[in-house]
Protein backbone atom coordinates (compact mmCIF):
# COMPACT_ATOMS: atom_id res chain seq x y z
CA MET A 1 0.06 0.00 0.03
CA SER A 2 2.89 2.38 0.84
CA GLU A 3 4.26 1.81 -2.60
CA LEU A 4 1.22 3.46 -4.18
CA LEU A 5 1.73 6.69 -2.07
CA THR A 6 4.93 7.74 -3.26
CA PRO A 7 5.56 11.50 -3.91
CA ALA A 8 5.79 10.97 -7.57
CA ASN A 9 2.53 9.09 -7.76
CA LEU A 10 0.70 11.70 -5.65
CA ARG A 11 1.96 14.54 -7.90
CA LEU A 12 0.77 12.60 -10.82
CA VAL A 13 -2.68 12.11 -9.51
CA MET A 14 -2.90 15.71 -8.31
CA GLY A 15 -1.73 16.97 -11.70
CA LEU A 16 -4.16 14.72 -13.52
CA ALA A 17 -7.02 15.93 -11.30
CA PHE A 18 -6.16 19.63 -11.70
CA PHE A 19 -6.03 19.58 -15.58
CA PRO A 20 -9.56 18.55 -16.41
CA LEU A 21 -11.02 20.75 -13.54
CA GLY A 22 -9.00 23.68 -14.77
CA LEU A 23 -10.08 23.09 -18.38
CA ALA A 24 -13.84 22.79 -17.29
CA ALA A 25 -13.66 26.06 -15.30
CA ILE A 26 -12.01 27.99 -18.28
CA ILE A 27 -14.65 26.59 -20.59
CA ALA A 28 -17.51 27.44 -18.26
CA GLY A 29 -16.36 31.02 -17.88
CA LEU A 30 -15.86 31.44 -21.56
CA VAL A 31 -19.34 30.03 -22.27
CA ILE A 32 -20.81 32.43 -19.69
CA LEU A 33 -19.06 35.43 -21.22
CA ILE A 34 -19.81 34.46 -24.87
CA ALA A 35 -23.30 33.15 -24.50
CA GLY A 36 -24.48 35.52 -21.88
CA PRO A 37 -27.38 33.49 -20.29
CA TYR A 38 -29.17 36.82 -19.25
CA ARG A 39 -29.03 38.49 -22.58
CA GLN A 40 -32.50 37.26 -23.50
CA GLU A 41 -33.90 38.43 -20.22
CA ALA A 42 -32.31 41.84 -20.50
CA LYS A 43 -33.79 42.24 -24.01
CA ILE A 44 -37.33 41.49 -22.54
CA LEU A 45 -36.70 43.93 -19.70
CA ALA A 46 -35.67 46.68 -22.15
CA GLU A 47 -38.88 46.08 -24.20
CA GLN A 48 -40.97 46.31 -21.06
CA SER A 49 -39.21 49.47 -19.97
CA ALA A 50 -40.14 50.90 -23.39
CA LYS A 51 -43.72 49.98 -22.76
CA ILE A 52 -43.64 51.60 -19.33
CA GLY A 53 -42.25 54.73 -20.84
CA GLN A 54 -45.04 55.01 -23.37
CA LYS A 55 -47.61 54.45 -20.62
CA GLY A 56 -45.87 57.09 -18.52
CA LEU A 57 -46.97 59.77 -20.97
CA THR A 58 -50.54 59.25 -19.78
CA SER A 59 -49.91 58.81 -16.14
CA ASP A 60 -47.60 60.07 -13.34
CA ILE A 61 -44.35 60.52 -15.21
CA SER A 62 -42.17 60.70 -12.11
CA LEU A 63 -43.33 57.37 -10.65
CA VAL A 64 -42.89 55.58 -13.99
CA THR A 65 -39.36 57.13 -14.53
CA GLN A 66 -38.23 55.97 -11.11
CA SER A 67 -39.47 52.50 -11.81
CA ALA A 68 -37.81 52.28 -15.25
CA THR A 69 -34.43 53.52 -13.73
CA ALA A 70 -34.66 50.99 -10.97
CA LEU A 71 -35.28 48.25 -13.63
CA VAL A 72 -32.28 49.27 -15.81
CA ASP A 73 -30.08 49.48 -12.75
CA ALA A 74 -31.25 45.84 -11.80
CA VAL A 75 -30.44 44.65 -15.23
CA ASN A 76 -26.96 46.21 -15.29
CA ASN A 77 -26.19 44.71 -11.92
CA LEU A 78 -27.12 41.37 -13.03
CA ILE A 79 -25.02 41.62 -16.14
CA ARG A 80 -22.03 42.87 -14.25
CA THR A 81 -22.29 40.07 -11.66
CA THR A 82 -22.48 37.52 -14.31
CA SER A 83 -19.42 38.66 -16.10
CA GLY A 84 -17.68 39.03 -12.83
CA ASN A 85 -18.37 35.35 -12.06
CA ALA A 86 -17.21 34.30 -15.47
CA VAL A 87 -13.94 36.16 -15.11
CA VAL A 88 -13.32 34.50 -11.72
CA LEU A 89 -13.87 31.04 -13.25
CA ILE A 90 -11.48 31.70 -16.00
CA ILE A 91 -8.84 32.86 -13.54
CA VAL A 92 -9.33 29.84 -11.26
CA GLY A 93 -9.10 27.63 -14.33
CA VAL A 94 -5.86 29.20 -15.42
CA ILE A 95 -4.37 28.81 -11.99
CA SER A 96 -5.46 25.06 -11.90
CA GLU A 97 -3.85 24.61 -15.37
CA LEU A 98 -0.63 26.15 -14.23
CA ALA A 99 -0.57 24.00 -11.06
CA ALA A 100 -1.11 20.84 -13.26
CA TYR A 101 1.68 22.01 -15.42
CA TRP A 102 4.07 22.70 -12.57
CA LEU A 103 3.05 19.19 -11.02
CA LEU A 104 3.31 17.10 -14.21
CA ILE A 105 6.06 18.77 -16.18
CA LEU A 106 8.31 21.09 -14.27
CA HIS A 107 8.48 19.18 -10.89
CA ARG A 108 9.95 15.88 -12.04
């Protein structure tokens, strides 16, 4: 049993575990940045804001303007948070790839 837990074998197992995890994190981050899962929702909210603005011409304009502003701010925060999460995933993936490279190639 102790023959399996040598430092070389442990480095190999850790490197082989870090590589696919890092690759998955990078791919997930890129998919989130490129595909933008909230883009469709943002378009719907923009359309609804336009409808609210048109309705505001006949009713209390200040209340409608405040509501539309709050809606736009919420959408912007949602998009910023999603982009930030994607960047963190990419950074964690790159660090994991570098660790796998160090364990498998440089530390022989």
